[in-house]
Amino acid sequence: MLASYFTVKGYGEHEIVIQKSRFIAYIDRVTTEADAQAFIEKIKKKHWDAAHNCSAYLIGEKDHIQKANDDGEPSGTAGVPMLEVLKKRGLKDTVVVVTRYFGGIKLGAGGLIRAYGSSTSEGLNATGIVERKLMQIFHTKVDYTWLGKLENELHSSRYLIKEINYLDHVEIQTYVASAEVDQFITWMTDMTNGQAEIDKGEQEYLEEDV
């Protein structure tokens, strides 16, 4: 699993008009090629009367799934420029469809490349980008006498409290960046004079707006 990566916040859409042609960008987060294809088909059905529904997607930790489709536009003028925008932004697990309603003015190859690239870029800006950071969840059990001190120290630290369970002992679940695991264990052990029971839990991604 990647320590961190960038992707889109979720579903979004954005329209621009260039030389009387409407370019509508539809964007979403996907984790499989099947999901990407289903999203593309959904937009194609929605805009069955459009001149073109061009698409691109990038999926996987190492971007091992990449596809670009010009959907009738001159080869290399739509899908590839859209895919290049995703790559330049360093995004993963992202699909984009740009629907074009032709306005009667031909843009030429260069104009099309700029139009589809701009539509994708502006669509991404409107949708929003997040950084997903892999966090290790720790379960720390202590006597209730430690609760006030630990809460205060955690709130002023870079570690994030996920939740607190009030059981026979209080259990504090904490998000810790994967690179800071050893540091956290030492910090928590010192903080509680070695009286804490510290266990590793599962790993989970946290999202931060970029």
Foldseek 3Di string as FASTA:
>chain_A
DDQKAKAFPAWFKDWDADPQKIKIKIKGFAADVVVQVVVQVVVCVVPVVFPAWWKWAFHDPVSPDIDTGPRPDPPPQARVLLSVLCVVVRHHRMMMIITIHDRPDDLPSVRSSVVNNVNNVVRRVRRFMKMKGKWWKKKKWAAPVCVVVVVVVCVPDPKAWPDWDDDNTIITIITHRPVCVVVVVVVVCVSRVNRMDMDIDDMDIDIDTD
